[in-house]
PDB file of N, CA and C in Angstrom:
ATOM      1  N   MET A   1      72.170   6.240 116.971  1.00  0.00           N
ATOM      2  CA  MET A   1      72.220   7.526 116.297  1.00  0.00           C
ATOM      3  C   MET A   1      72.905   8.550 117.196  1.00  0.00           C
ATOM      4  N   LEU A   2      73.773   9.358 116.623  1.00  0.00           N
ATOM      5  CA  LEU A   2      74.472  10.386 117.378  1.00  0.00           C
ATOM      6  C   LEU A   2      73.555  11.584 117.618  1.00  0.00           C
ATOM      7  N   GLU A   3      73.643  12.143 118.812  1.00  0.00           N
ATOM      8  CA  GLU A   3      72.888  13.344 119.140  1.00  0.00           C
ATOM      9  C   GLU A   3      73.888  14.468 119.368  1.00  0.00           C
ATOM     10  N   ARG A   4      73.710  15.571 118.683  1.00  0.00           N
ATOM     11  CA  ARG A   4      74.631  16.702 118.783  1.00  0.00           C
ATOM     12  C   ARG A   4      73.891  17.875 119.417  1.00  0.00           C
ATOM     13  N   LEU A   5      74.514  18.499 120.412  1.00  0.00           N
ATOM     14  CA  LEU A   5      73.873  19.581 121.160  1.00  0.00           C
ATOM     15  C   LEU A   5      74.750  20.822 121.203  1.00  0.00           C
ATOM     16  N   ASN A   6      74.095  21.965 121.178  1.00  0.00           N
ATOM     17  CA  ASN A   6      74.736  23.252 121.433  1.00  0.00           C
ATOM     18  C   ASN A   6      73.833  23.981 122.422  1.00  0.00           C
ATOM     19  N   PRO A   7      74.046  23.745 123.728  1.00  0.00           N
ATOM     20  CA  PRO A   7      73.171  24.328 124.739  1.00  0.00           C
ATOM     21  C   PRO A   7      73.174  25.857 124.672  1.00  0.00           C
ATOM     22  N   PRO A   8      72.025  26.475 124.881  1.00  0.00           N
ATOM     23  CA  PRO A   8      71.964  27.942 124.840  1.00  0.00           C
ATOM     24  C   PRO A   8      72.670  28.600 126.018  1.00  0.00           C
ATOM     25  N   THR A   9      73.098  27.820 127.005  1.00  0.00           N
ATOM     26  CA  THR A   9      73.756  28.359 128.199  1.00  0.00           C
ATOM     27  C   THR A   9      75.277  28.440 128.063  1.00  0.00           C
ATOM     28  N   VAL A  10      75.818  28.055 126.892  1.00  0.00           N
ATOM     29  CA  VAL A  10      77.254  28.182 126.617  1.00  0.00           C
ATOM     30  C   VAL A  10      77.422  28.932 125.297  1.00  0.00           C
ATOM     31  N   PRO A  11      78.624  29.438 125.002  1.00  0.00           N
ATOM     32  CA  PRO A  11      78.822  30.166 123.749  1.00  0.00           C
ATOM     33  C   PRO A  11      78.515  29.289 122.527  1.00  0.00           C
ATOM     34  N   ALA A  12      77.940  29.912 121.507  1.00  0.00           N
ATOM     35  CA  ALA A  12      77.661  29.205 120.249  1.00  0.00           C
ATOM     36  C   ALA A  12      78.978  28.832 119.582  1.00  0.00           C
ATOM     37  N   PRO A  13      79.031  27.712 118.865  1.00  0.00           N
ATOM     38  CA  PRO A  13      80.259  27.322 118.162  1.00  0.00           C
ATOM     39  C   PRO A  13      80.720  28.401 117.183  1.00  0.00           C
ATOM     40  N   ALA A  14      82.034  28.559 117.091  1.00  0.00           N
ATOM     41  CA  ALA A  14      82.618  29.558 116.192  1.00  0.00           C
ATOM     42  C   ALA A  14      82.675  29.070 114.747  1.00  0.00           C
ATOM     43  N   SER A  15      82.493  27.761 114.542  1.00  0.00           N
ATOM     44  CA  SER A  15      82.455  27.196 113.191  1.00  0.00           C
ATOM     45  C   SER A  15      81.607  25.929 113.255  1.00  0.00           C
ATOM     46  N   THR A  16      81.848  24.999 112.342  1.00  0.00           N
ATOM     47  CA  THR A  16      81.038  23.792 112.278  1.00  0.00           C
ATOM     48  C   THR A  16      81.531  22.754 113.281  1.00  0.00           C
ATOM     49  N   TYR A  17      81.028  22.834 114.489  1.00  0.00           N
ATOM     50  CA  TYR A  17      81.266  21.814 115.505  1.00  0.00           C
ATOM     51  C   TYR A  17      80.135  21.871 116.520  1.00  0.00           C
ATOM     52  N   SER A  18      80.077  20.876 117.380  1.00  0.00           N
ATOM     53  CA  SER A  18      79.057  20.805 118.424  1.00  0.00           C
ATOM     54  C   SER A  18      79.726  20.872 119.784  1.00  0.00           C
ATOM     55  N   GLN A  19      79.060  21.486 120.736  1.00  0.00           N
ATOM     56  CA  GLN A  19      79.594  21.542 122.090  1.00  0.00           C
ATOM     57  C   GLN A  19      79.502  20.175 122.777  1.00  0.00           C
ATOM     58  N   VAL A  20      78.507  19.371 122.404  1.00  0.00           N
ATOM     59  CA  VAL A  20      78.287  18.065 123.025  1.00  0.00           C
ATOM     60  C   VAL A  20      77.880  17.064 121.952  1.00  0.00           C
ATOM     61  N   VAL A  21      78.414  15.856 122.020  1.00  0.00           N
ATOM     62  CA  VAL A  21      77.981  14.757 121.158  1.00  0.00           C
ATOM     63  C   VAL A  21      77.678  13.572 122.069  1.00  0.00           C
ATOM     64  N   ILE A  22      76.481  13.028 121.933  1.00  0.00           N
ATOM     65  CA  ILE A  22      76.064  11.883 122.736  1.00  0.00           C
ATOM     66  C   ILE A  22      75.914  10.697 121.803  1.00  0.00           C
ATOM     67  N   HIS A  23      76.456   9.541 122.219  1.00  0.00           N
ATOM     68  CA  HIS A  23      76.342   8.348 121.386  1.00  0.00           C
ATOM     69  C   HIS A  23      75.729   7.208 122.183  1.00  0.00           C
ATOM     70  N   PRO A  24      75.108   6.268 121.492  1.00  0.00           N
ATOM     71  CA  PRO A  24      74.481   5.138 122.189  1.00  0.00           C
ATOM     72  C   PRO A  24      75.535   4.205 122.789  1.00  0.00           C
ATOM     73  N   ALA A  25      75.163   3.542 123.847  1.00  0.00           N
ATOM     74  CA  ALA A  25      76.088   2.656 124.552  1.00  0.00           C
ATOM     75  C   ALA A  25      76.477   1.431 123.730  1.00  0.00           C
ATOM     76  N   ASN A  26      75.635   0.983 122.836  1.00  0.00           N
ATOM     77  CA  ASN A  26      75.882  -0.247 122.085  1.00  0.00           C
ATOM     78  C   ASN A  26      76.545   0.005 120.731  1.00  0.00           C
ATOM     79  N   ALA A  27      77.303   1.091 120.628  1.00  0.00           N
ATOM     80  CA  ALA A  27      77.944   1.448 119.362  1.00  0.00           C
ATOM     81  C   ALA A  27      79.414   1.015 119.349  1.00  0.00           C
ATOM     82  N   ARG A  28      79.984   0.985 118.141  1.00  0.00           N
ATOM     83  CA  ARG A  28      81.399   0.643 117.959  1.00  0.00           C
ATOM     84  C   ARG A  28      82.217   1.936 117.957  1.00  0.00           C
ATOM     85  N   ARG A  29      83.241   1.998 118.811  1.00  0.00           N
ATOM     86  CA  ARG A  29      84.085   3.187 118.931  1.00  0.00           C
ATOM     87  C   ARG A  29      85.351   3.001 118.109  1.00  0.00           C
ATOM     88  N   ILE A  30      85.691   4.021 117.325  1.00  0.00           N
ATOM     89  CA  ILE A  30      86.887   4.015 116.487  1.00  0.00           C
ATOM     90  C   ILE A  30      87.742   5.214 116.891  1.00  0.00           C
ATOM     91  N   VAL A  31      89.010   4.963 117.164  1.00  0.00           N
ATOM     92  CA  VAL A  31      89.951   6.029 117.529  1.00  0.00           C
ATOM     93  C   VAL A  31      91.020   6.079 116.442  1.00  0.00           C
ATOM     94  N   VAL A  32      91.168   7.238 115.823  1.00  0.00           N
ATOM     95  CA  VAL A  32      92.143   7.406 114.747  1.00  0.00           C
ATOM     96  C   VAL A  32      93.319   8.233 115.277  1.00  0.00           C
ATOM     97  N   SER A  33      94.514   7.692 115.121  1.00  0.00           N
ATOM     98  CA  SER A  33      95.739   8.395 115.526  1.00  0.00           C
ATOM     99  C   SER A  33      95.904   9.688 114.744  1.00  0.00           C
ATOM    100  N   GLY A  34      96.781  10.544 115.252  1.00  0.00           N
ATOM    101  CA  GLY A  34      97.060  11.800 114.583  1.00  0.00           C
ATOM    102  C   GLY A  34      97.551  11.587 113.155  1.00  0.00           C
ATOM    103  N   GLN A  35      96.961  12.322 112.244  1.00  0.00           N
ATOM    104  CA  GLN A  35      97.313  12.255 110.826  1.00  0.00           C
ATOM    105  C   GLN A  35      97.959  13.576 110.427  1.00  0.00           C
ATOM    106  N   VAL A  36      99.013  13.481 109.630  1.00  0.00           N
ATOM    107  CA  VAL A  36      99.758  14.665 109.201  1.00  0.00           C
ATOM    108  C   VAL A  36      99.762  14.766 107.679  1.00  0.00           C
ATOM    109  N   GLY A  37     100.378  15.817 107.177  1.00  0.00           N
ATOM    110  CA  GLY A  37     100.406  16.078 105.741  1.00  0.00           C
ATOM    111  C   GLY A  37     101.440  15.272 104.997  1.00  0.00           C
ATOM    112  N   VAL A  38     101.320  13.957 105.085  1.00  0.00           N
ATOM    113  CA  VAL A  38     102.251  13.041 104.431  1.00  0.00           C
ATOM    114  C   VAL A  38     101.447  12.072 103.568  1.00  0.00           C
ATOM    115  N   ARG A  39     101.885  11.893 102.325  1.00  0.00           N
ATOM    116  CA  ARG A  39     101.233  10.934 101.428  1.00  0.00           C
ATOM    117  C   ARG A  39     101.600   9.510 101.816  1.00  0.00           C
ATOM    118  N   ALA A  40     100.879   8.537 101.291  1.00  0.00           N
ATOM    119  CA  ALA A  40     101.127   7.122 101.587  1.00  0.00           C
ATOM    120  C   ALA A  40     102.548   6.707 101.221  1.00  0.00           C
ATOM    121  N   ASP A  41     103.152   7.367 100.235  1.00  0.00           N
ATOM    122  CA  ASP A  41     104.523   7.019  99.832  1.00  0.00           C
ATOM    123  C   ASP A  41     105.587   7.667 100.718  1.00  0.00           C
ATOM    124  N   GLY A  42     105.150   8.396 101.749  1.00  0.00           N
ATOM    125  CA  GLY A  42     106.088   9.026 102.676  1.00  0.00           C
ATOM    126  C   GLY A  42     106.458  10.454 102.349  1.00  0.00           C
ATOM    127  N   THR A  43     105.952  10.978 101.252  1.00  0.00           N
ATOM    128  CA  THR A  43     106.247  12.350 100.860  1.00  0.00           C
ATOM    129  C   THR A  43     105.581  13.339 101.810  1.00  0.00           C
ATOM    130  N   VAL A  44     106.390  14.200 102.429  1.00  0.00           N
ATOM    131  CA  VAL A  44     105.857  15.269 103.269  1.00  0.00           C
ATOM    132  C   VAL A  44     105.529  16.438 102.356  1.00  0.00           C
ATOM    133  N   LEU A  45     104.287  16.864 102.361  1.00  0.00           N
ATOM    134  CA  LEU A  45     103.880  17.969 101.498  1.00  0.00           C
ATOM    135  C   LEU A  45     104.395  19.292 102.048  1.00  0.00           C
ATOM    136  N   GLU A  46     104.611  20.235 101.148  1.00  0.00           N
ATOM    137  CA  GLU A  46     105.119  21.544 101.543  1.00  0.00           C
ATOM    138  C   GLU A  46     103.973  22.526 101.703  1.00  0.00           C
ATOM    139  N   GLY A  47     104.045  23.332 102.731  1.00  0.00           N
ATOM    140  CA  GLY A  47     103.066  24.385 102.957  1.00  0.00           C
ATOM    141  C   GLY A  47     101.894  23.924 103.812  1.00  0.00           C
ATOM    142  N   LEU A  48     101.391  24.844 104.590  1.00  0.00           N
ATOM    143  CA  LEU A  48     100.295  24.551 105.512  1.00  0.00           C
ATOM    144  C   LEU A  48      99.043  24.076 104.788  1.00  0.00           C
ATOM    145  N   ASP A  49      98.645  24.758 103.746  1.00  0.00           N
ATOM    146  CA  ASP A  49      97.427  24.413 103.021  1.00  0.00           C
ATOM    147  C   ASP A  49      97.473  22.965 102.526  1.00  0.00           C
ATOM    148  N   ALA A  50      98.555  22.586 101.900  1.00  0.00           N
ATOM    149  CA  ALA A  50      98.698  21.217 101.375  1.00  0.00           C
ATOM    150  C   ALA A  50      98.731  20.195 102.502  1.00  0.00           C
ATOM    151  N   GLN A  51      99.404  20.517 103.595  1.00  0.00           N
ATOM    152  CA  GLN A  51      99.488  19.574 104.706  1.00  0.00           C
ATOM    153  C   GLN A  51      98.138  19.380 105.388  1.00  0.00           C
ATOM    154  N   VAL A  52      97.387  20.444 105.570  1.00  0.00           N
ATOM    155  CA  VAL A  52      96.067  20.317 106.196  1.00  0.00           C
ATOM    156  C   VAL A  52      95.149  19.473 105.323  1.00  0.00           C
ATOM    157  N   GLU A  53      95.129  19.752 104.026  1.00  0.00           N
ATOM    158  CA  GLU A  53      94.295  18.956 103.126  1.00  0.00           C
ATOM    159  C   GLU A  53      94.665  17.475 103.209  1.00  0.00           C
ATOM    160  N   GLN A  54      95.951  17.159 103.121  1.00  0.00           N
ATOM    161  CA  GLN A  54      96.388  15.763 103.141  1.00  0.00           C
ATOM    162  C   GLN A  54      96.083  15.104 104.480  1.00  0.00           C
ATOM    163  N   ALA A  55      96.276  15.821 105.571  1.00  0.00           N
ATOM    164  CA  ALA A  55      95.985  15.258 106.895  1.00  0.00           C
ATOM    165  C   ALA A  55      94.512  14.870 107.002  1.00  0.00           C
ATOM    166  N   PHE A  56      93.615  15.729 106.536  1.00  0.00           N
ATOM    167  CA  PHE A  56      92.187  15.394 106.577  1.00  0.00           C
ATOM    168  C   PHE A  56      91.866  14.245 105.618  1.00  0.00           C
ATOM    169  N   ARG A  57      92.516  14.206 104.463  1.00  0.00           N
ATOM    170  CA  ARG A  57      92.301  13.074 103.546  1.00  0.00           C
ATOM    171  C   ARG A  57      92.789  11.769 104.179  1.00  0.00           C
ATOM    172  N   ASN A  58      93.914  11.811 104.885  1.00  0.00           N
ATOM    173  CA  ASN A  58      94.410  10.629 105.588  1.00  0.00           C
ATOM    174  C   ASN A  58      93.432  10.198 106.675  1.00  0.00           C
ATOM    175  N   LEU A  59      92.899  11.162 107.417  1.00  0.00           N
ATOM    176  CA  LEU A  59      91.931  10.867 108.470  1.00  0.00           C
ATOM    177  C   LEU A  59      90.708  10.166 107.894  1.00  0.00           C
ATOM    178  N   ILE A  60      90.184  10.686 106.798  1.00  0.00           N
ATOM    179  CA  ILE A  60      89.007  10.107 106.149  1.00  0.00           C
ATOM    180  C   ILE A  60      89.314   8.699 105.636  1.00  0.00           C
ATOM    181  N   ALA A  61      90.522   8.491 105.113  1.00  0.00           N
ATOM    182  CA  ALA A  61      90.918   7.155 104.641  1.00  0.00           C
ATOM    183  C   ALA A  61      90.997   6.168 105.795  1.00  0.00           C
ATOM    184  N   CYS A  62      91.493   6.608 106.945  1.00  0.00           N
ATOM    185  CA  CYS A  62      91.543   5.730 108.121  1.00  0.00           C
ATOM    186  C   CYS A  62      90.138   5.353 108.571  1.00  0.00           C
ATOM    187  N   LEU A  63      89.250   6.319 108.586  1.00  0.00           N
ATOM    188  CA  LEU A  63      87.863   6.033 108.956  1.00  0.00           C
ATOM    189  C   LEU A  63      87.250   5.017 107.992  1.00  0.00           C
ATOM    190  N   ALA A  64      87.464   5.214 106.699  1.00  0.00           N
ATOM    191  CA  ALA A  64      86.911   4.301 105.693  1.00  0.00           C
ATOM    192  C   ALA A  64      87.435   2.883 105.896  1.00  0.00           C
ATOM    193  N   ALA A  65      88.710   2.755 106.229  1.00  0.00           N
ATOM    194  CA  ALA A  65      89.296   1.434 106.460  1.00  0.00           C
ATOM    195  C   ALA A  65      88.636   0.729 107.641  1.00  0.00           C
ATOM    196  N   ALA A  66      88.085   1.520 108.562  1.00  0.00           N
ATOM    197  CA  ALA A  66      87.422   0.966 109.738  1.00  0.00           C
ATOM    198  C   ALA A  66      85.911   0.855 109.552  1.00  0.00           C
ATOM    199  N   GLY A  67      85.433   1.132 108.342  1.00  0.00           N
ATOM    200  CA  GLY A  67      84.002   1.028 108.069  1.00  0.00           C
ATOM    201  C   GLY A  67      83.194   2.225 108.536  1.00  0.00           C
ATOM    202  N   ALA A  68      83.824   3.383 108.598  1.00  0.00           N
ATOM    203  CA  ALA A  68      83.148   4.596 109.053  1.00  0.00           C
ATOM    204  C   ALA A  68      83.387   5.729 108.061  1.00  0.00           C
ATOM    205  N   GLY A  69      82.707   6.821 108.288  1.00  0.00           N
ATOM    206  CA  GLY A  69      82.884   8.015 107.468  1.00  0.00           C
ATOM    207  C   GLY A  69      82.904   9.241 108.354  1.00  0.00           C
ATOM    208  N   PRO A  70      83.132  10.402 107.784  1.00  0.00           N
ATOM    209  CA  PRO A  70      83.176  11.634 108.574  1.00  0.00           C
ATOM    210  C   PRO A  70      81.911  11.867 109.404  1.00  0.00           C
ATOM    211  N   GLU A  71      80.786  11.399 108.912  1.00  0.00           N
ATOM    212  CA  GLU A  71      79.525  11.593 109.647  1.00  0.00           C
ATOM    213  C   GLU A  71      79.505  10.865 110.985  1.00  0.00           C
ATOM    214  N   HIS A  72      80.415   9.939 111.186  1.00  0.00           N
ATOM    215  CA  HIS A  72      80.492   9.187 112.440  1.00  0.00           C
ATOM    216  C   HIS A  72      81.430   9.819 113.461  1.00  0.00           C
ATOM    217  N   ILE A  73      82.128  10.876 113.077  1.00  0.00           N
ATOM    218  CA  ILE A  73      83.084  11.516 113.993  1.00  0.00           C
ATOM    219  C   ILE A  73      82.325  12.195 115.129  1.00  0.00           C
ATOM    220  N   VAL A  74      82.760  11.895 116.366  1.00  0.00           N
ATOM    221  CA  VAL A  74      82.169  12.547 117.528  1.00  0.00           C
ATOM    222  C   VAL A  74      83.122  13.575 118.135  1.00  0.00           C
ATOM    223  N   LYS A  75      84.431  13.415 117.909  1.00  0.00           N
ATOM    224  CA  LYS A  75      85.415  14.341 118.467  1.00  0.00           C
ATOM    225  C   LYS A  75      86.602  14.445 117.533  1.00  0.00           C
ATOM    226  N   VAL A  76      86.998  15.662 117.232  1.00  0.00           N
ATOM    227  CA  VAL A  76      88.183  15.908 116.413  1.00  0.00           C
ATOM    228  C   VAL A  76      89.089  16.877 117.172  1.00  0.00           C
ATOM    229  N   THR A  77      90.380  16.578 117.149  1.00  0.00           N
ATOM    230  CA  THR A  77      91.365  17.458 117.776  1.00  0.00           C
ATOM    231  C   THR A  77      92.402  17.820 116.725  1.00  0.00           C
ATOM    232  N   SER A  78      92.612  19.114 116.546  1.00  0.00           N
ATOM    233  CA  SER A  78      93.571  19.615 115.558  1.00  0.00           C
ATOM    234  C   SER A  78      94.722  20.304 116.283  1.00  0.00           C
ATOM    235  N   PHE A  79      95.937  20.054 115.778  1.00  0.00           N
ATOM    236  CA  PHE A  79      97.148  20.638 116.340  1.00  0.00           C
ATOM    237  C   PHE A  79      97.861  21.413 115.235  1.00  0.00           C
ATOM    238  N   MET A  80      98.253  22.640 115.525  1.00  0.00           N
ATOM    239  CA  MET A  80      98.939  23.460 114.536  1.00  0.00           C
ATOM    240  C   MET A  80     100.125  24.147 115.203  1.00  0.00           C
ATOM    241  N   VAL A  81     101.223  24.306 114.479  1.00  0.00           N
ATOM    242  CA  VAL A  81     102.412  24.920 115.074  1.00  0.00           C
ATOM    243  C   VAL A  81     102.438  26.445 114.951  1.00  0.00           C
ATOM    244  N   ALA A  82     101.621  27.011 114.083  1.00  0.00           N
ATOM    245  CA  ALA A  82     101.618  28.466 113.910  1.00  0.00           C
ATOM    246  C   ALA A  82     100.283  29.051 114.372  1.00  0.00           C
ATOM    247  N   PRO A  83     100.311  29.969 115.316  1.00  0.00           N
ATOM    248  CA  PRO A  83      99.066  30.593 115.745  1.00  0.00           C
ATOM    249  C   PRO A  83      98.456  31.430 114.627  1.00  0.00           C
ATOM    250  N   GLY A  84      97.151  31.537 114.634  1.00  0.00           N
ATOM    251  CA  GLY A  84      96.471  32.390 113.674  1.00  0.00           C
ATOM    252  C   GLY A  84      96.081  31.731 112.366  1.00  0.00           C
ATOM    253  N   ASP A  85      96.371  30.447 112.206  1.00  0.00           N
ATOM    254  CA  ASP A  85      96.059  29.766 110.945  1.00  0.00           C
ATOM    255  C   ASP A  85      94.828  28.868 111.030  1.00  0.00           C
ATOM    256  N   VAL A  86      93.985  29.092 112.022  1.00  0.00           N
ATOM    257  CA  VAL A  86      92.819  28.234 112.222  1.00  0.00           C
ATOM    258  C   VAL A  86      91.904  28.199 110.991  1.00  0.00           C
ATOM    259  N   MET A  87      91.847  29.271 110.232  1.00  0.00           N
ATOM    260  CA  MET A  87      90.941  29.315 109.073  1.00  0.00           C
ATOM    261  C   MET A  87      91.345  28.306 107.999  1.00  0.00           C
ATOM    262  N   VAL A  88      92.610  27.988 107.886  1.00  0.00           N
ATOM    263  CA  VAL A  88      93.053  26.969 106.919  1.00  0.00           C
ATOM    264  C   VAL A  88      92.490  25.616 107.329  1.00  0.00           C
ATOM    265  N   ALA A  89      92.582  25.293 108.605  1.00  0.00           N
ATOM    266  CA  ALA A  89      92.040  24.021 109.098  1.00  0.00           C
ATOM    267  C   ALA A  89      90.528  23.973 108.920  1.00  0.00           C
ATOM    268  N   ARG A  90      89.846  25.052 109.243  1.00  0.00           N
ATOM    269  CA  ARG A  90      88.381  25.092 109.078  1.00  0.00           C
ATOM    270  C   ARG A  90      87.988  24.912 107.616  1.00  0.00           C
ATOM    271  N   LYS A  91      88.718  25.582 106.720  1.00  0.00           N
ATOM    272  CA  LYS A  91      88.402  25.496 105.291  1.00  0.00           C
ATOM    273  C   LYS A  91      88.422  24.045 104.821  1.00  0.00           C
ATOM    274  N   TRP A  92      89.515  23.329 105.114  1.00  0.00           N
ATOM    275  CA  TRP A  92      89.634  21.949 104.629  1.00  0.00           C
ATOM    276  C   TRP A  92      88.681  21.005 105.340  1.00  0.00           C
ATOM    277  N   ARG A  93      88.462  21.212 106.634  1.00  0.00           N
ATOM    278  CA  ARG A  93      87.517  20.357 107.345  1.00  0.00           C
ATOM    279  C   ARG A  93      86.117  20.505 106.765  1.00  0.00           C
ATOM    280  N   GLN A  94      85.712  21.741 106.510  1.00  0.00           N
ATOM    281  CA  GLN A  94      84.377  21.977 105.958  1.00  0.00           C
ATOM    282  C   GLN A  94      84.270  21.522 104.508  1.00  0.00           C
ATOM    283  N   ARG A  95      85.346  21.646 103.744  1.00  0.00           N
ATOM    284  CA  ARG A  95      85.324  21.228 102.345  1.00  0.00           C
ATOM    285  C   ARG A  95      85.272  19.704 102.220  1.00  0.00           C
ATOM    286  N   LEU A  96      86.052  18.998 103.033  1.00  0.00           N
ATOM    287  CA  LEU A  96      86.136  17.542 102.930  1.00  0.00           C
ATOM    288  C   LEU A  96      85.112  16.810 103.792  1.00  0.00           C
ATOM    289  N   MET A  97      84.544  17.510 104.774  1.00  0.00           N
ATOM    290  CA  MET A  97      83.556  16.899 105.656  1.00  0.00           C
ATOM    291  C   MET A  97      82.373  17.858 105.838  1.00  0.00           C
ATOM    292  N   PRO A  98      81.699  18.222 104.738  1.00  0.00           N
ATOM    293  CA  PRO A  98      80.644  19.228 104.818  1.00  0.00           C
ATOM    294  C   PRO A  98      79.513  18.804 105.758  1.00  0.00           C
ATOM    295  N   GLY A  99      79.097  19.741 106.588  1.00  0.00           N
ATOM    296  CA  GLY A  99      77.976  19.506 107.482  1.00  0.00           C
ATOM    297  C   GLY A  99      78.294  18.663 108.699  1.00  0.00           C
ATOM    298  N   VAL A 100      79.514  18.145 108.803  1.00  0.00           N
ATOM    299  CA  VAL A 100      79.901  17.327 109.955  1.00  0.00           C
ATOM    300  C   VAL A 100      80.233  18.272 111.109  1.00  0.00           C
ATOM    301  N   ALA A 101      79.581  18.045 112.261  1.00  0.00           N
ATOM    302  CA  ALA A 101      79.745  18.954 113.392  1.00  0.00           C
ATOM    303  C   ALA A 101      80.078  18.185 114.669  1.00  0.00           C
ATOM    304  N   PRO A 102      81.288  17.599 114.742  1.00  0.00           N
ATOM    305  CA  PRO A 102      81.675  16.879 115.956  1.00  0.00           C
ATOM    306  C   PRO A 102      82.064  17.846 117.072  1.00  0.00           C
ATOM    307  N   ALA A 103      82.260  17.320 118.261  1.00  0.00           N
ATOM    308  CA  ALA A 103      82.925  18.109 119.297  1.00  0.00           C
ATOM    309  C   ALA A 103      84.337  18.374 118.765  1.00  0.00           C
ATOM    310  N   SER A 104      84.915  19.526 119.121  1.00  0.00           N
ATOM    311  CA  SER A 104      86.167  19.908 118.480  1.00  0.00           C
ATOM    312  C   SER A 104      87.074  20.677 119.420  1.00  0.00           C
ATOM    313  N   THR A 105      88.367  20.374 119.334  1.00  0.00           N
ATOM    314  CA  THR A 105      89.381  21.124 120.057  1.00  0.00           C
ATOM    315  C   THR A 105      90.490  21.488 119.079  1.00  0.00           C
ATOM    316  N   TYR A 106      90.951  22.716 119.146  1.00  0.00           N
ATOM    317  CA  TYR A 106      92.012  23.229 118.285  1.00  0.00           C
ATOM    318  C   TYR A 106      93.134  23.734 119.186  1.00  0.00           C
ATOM    319  N   LEU A 107      94.333  23.224 118.964  1.00  0.00           N
ATOM    320  CA  LEU A 107      95.470  23.596 119.799  1.00  0.00           C
ATOM    321  C   LEU A 107      96.621  24.133 118.958  1.00  0.00           C
ATOM    322  N   VAL A 108      97.276  25.155 119.458  1.00  0.00           N
ATOM    323  CA  VAL A 108      98.536  25.616 118.878  1.00  0.00           C
ATOM    324  C   VAL A 108      99.620  25.050 119.790  1.00  0.00           C
ATOM    325  N   VAL A 109     100.556  24.319 119.174  1.00  0.00           N
ATOM    326  CA  VAL A 109     101.595  23.618 119.944  1.00  0.00           C
ATOM    327  C   VAL A 109     102.989  24.087 119.513  1.00  0.00           C
ATOM    328  N   ALA A 110     103.973  23.817 120.356  1.00  0.00           N
ATOM    329  CA  ALA A 110     105.349  24.219 120.057  1.00  0.00           C
ATOM    330  C   ALA A 110     105.957  23.404 118.927  1.00  0.00           C
ATOM    331  N   GLY A 111     105.493  22.180 118.748  1.00  0.00           N
ATOM    332  CA  GLY A 111     106.027  21.337 117.691  1.00  0.00           C
ATOM    333  C   GLY A 111     105.294  20.023 117.612  1.00  0.00           C
ATOM    334  N   LEU A 112     105.506  19.321 116.510  1.00  0.00           N
ATOM    335  CA  LEU A 112     104.905  18.005 116.285  1.00  0.00           C
ATOM    336  C   LEU A 112     106.036  16.987 116.178  1.00  0.00           C
ATOM    337  N   ALA A 113     105.742  15.761 115.791  1.00  0.00           N
ATOM    338  CA  ALA A 113     106.723  14.679 115.775  1.00  0.00           C
ATOM    339  C   ALA A 113     107.929  14.968 114.875  1.00  0.00           C
ATOM    340  N   SER A 114     107.743  15.760 113.839  1.00  0.00           N
ATOM    341  CA  SER A 114     108.834  16.168 112.955  1.00  0.00           C
ATOM    342  C   SER A 114     108.744  17.673 112.753  1.00  0.00           C
ATOM    343  N   SER A 115     109.872  18.319 112.653  1.00  0.00           N
ATOM    344  CA  SER A 115     109.856  19.766 112.415  1.00  0.00           C
ATOM    345  C   SER A 115     109.273  20.112 111.041  1.00  0.00           C
ATOM    346  N   SER A 116     109.118  19.111 110.165  1.00  0.00           N
ATOM    347  CA  SER A 116     108.506  19.324 108.851  1.00  0.00           C
ATOM    348  C   SER A 116     106.983  19.403 108.932  1.00  0.00           C
ATOM    349  N   PHE A 117     106.412  18.893 110.019  1.00  0.00           N
ATOM    350  CA  PHE A 117     104.956  18.851 110.148  1.00  0.00           C
ATOM    351  C   PHE A 117     104.430  20.173 110.690  1.00  0.00           C
ATOM    352  N   LEU A 118     103.424  20.709 110.014  1.00  0.00           N
ATOM    353  CA  LEU A 118     102.817  21.978 110.409  1.00  0.00           C
ATOM    354  C   LEU A 118     101.448  21.788 111.045  1.00  0.00           C
ATOM    355  N   PHE A 119     100.841  20.606 110.830  1.00  0.00           N
ATOM    356  CA  PHE A 119      99.456  20.358 111.260  1.00  0.00           C
ATOM    357  C   PHE A 119      99.270  18.872 111.521  1.00  0.00           C
ATOM    358  N   GLU A 120      98.436  18.559 112.491  1.00  0.00           N
ATOM    359  CA  GLU A 120      98.075  17.175 112.771  1.00  0.00           C
ATOM    360  C   GLU A 120      96.626  17.153 113.236  1.00  0.00           C
ATOM    361  N   VAL A 121      95.912  16.092 112.880  1.00  0.00           N
ATOM    362  CA  VAL A 121      94.510  15.969 113.287  1.00  0.00           C
ATOM    363  C   VAL A 121      94.236  14.519 113.691  1.00  0.00           C
ATOM    364  N   GLU A 122      93.460  14.344 114.746  1.00  0.00           N
ATOM    365  CA  GLU A 122      93.045  13.027 115.215  1.00  0.00           C
ATOM    366  C   GLU A 122      91.548  13.071 115.495  1.00  0.00           C
ATOM    367  N   CYS A 123      90.949  11.889 115.592  1.00  0.00           N
ATOM    368  CA  CYS A 123      89.510  11.887 115.873  1.00  0.00           C
ATOM    369  C   CYS A 123      89.071  10.610 116.577  1.00  0.00           C
ATOM    370  N   GLU A 124      87.875  10.678 117.089  1.00  0.00           N
ATOM    371  CA  GLU A 124      87.141   9.525 117.597  1.00  0.00           C
ATOM    372  C   GLU A 124      85.830   9.495 116.850  1.00  0.00           C
ATOM    373  N   ALA A 125      85.419   8.288 116.485  1.00  0.00           N
ATOM    374  CA  ALA A 125      84.169   8.118 115.751  1.00  0.00           C
ATOM    375  C   ALA A 125      83.353   7.021 116.406  1.00  0.00           C
ATOM    376  N   ILE A 126      82.071   7.086 116.220  1.00  0.00           N
ATOM    377  CA  ILE A 126      81.138   6.081 116.748  1.00  0.00           C
ATOM    378  C   ILE A 126      80.270   5.598 115.600  1.00  0.00           C
ATOM    379  N   VAL A 127      80.244   4.270 115.419  1.00  0.00           N
ATOM    380  CA  VAL A 127      79.387   3.683 114.397  1.00  0.00           C
ATOM    381  C   VAL A 127      78.285   2.900 115.118  1.00  0.00           C
ATOM    382  N   PRO A 128      77.038   3.328 114.961  1.00  0.00           N
ATOM    383  CA  PRO A 128      75.927   2.633 115.648  1.00  0.00           C
ATOM    384  C   PRO A 128      75.805   1.179 115.213  1.00  0.00           C
TER     385      PRO A 128
END
């Protein structure tokens, strides 16, 4: 079983995430590569909102293929090319993964693998 902590000696999370996630030693670890706003047919979606939604849907599909779900995520890292758009990422993460509070890092980067990509998300999950 995953244990999630938010120690009172550090700042409280700004959204739905945990400062610390502890997992048992005998669990199965799943690492999901960065997912972007591209459909299975290769279509790159237009606009940040659509790309963030699709990236999270792709992430969830990868987890499902590995026998896991969002509740097993222990760490999520989000990359965005435009500063100030964190609320779009939070909206879709909370909508598609309600109540899931993994450790989390959000980065604004100069660019992603394609100039068409506005957002990318990756994760690590633990299945007991």
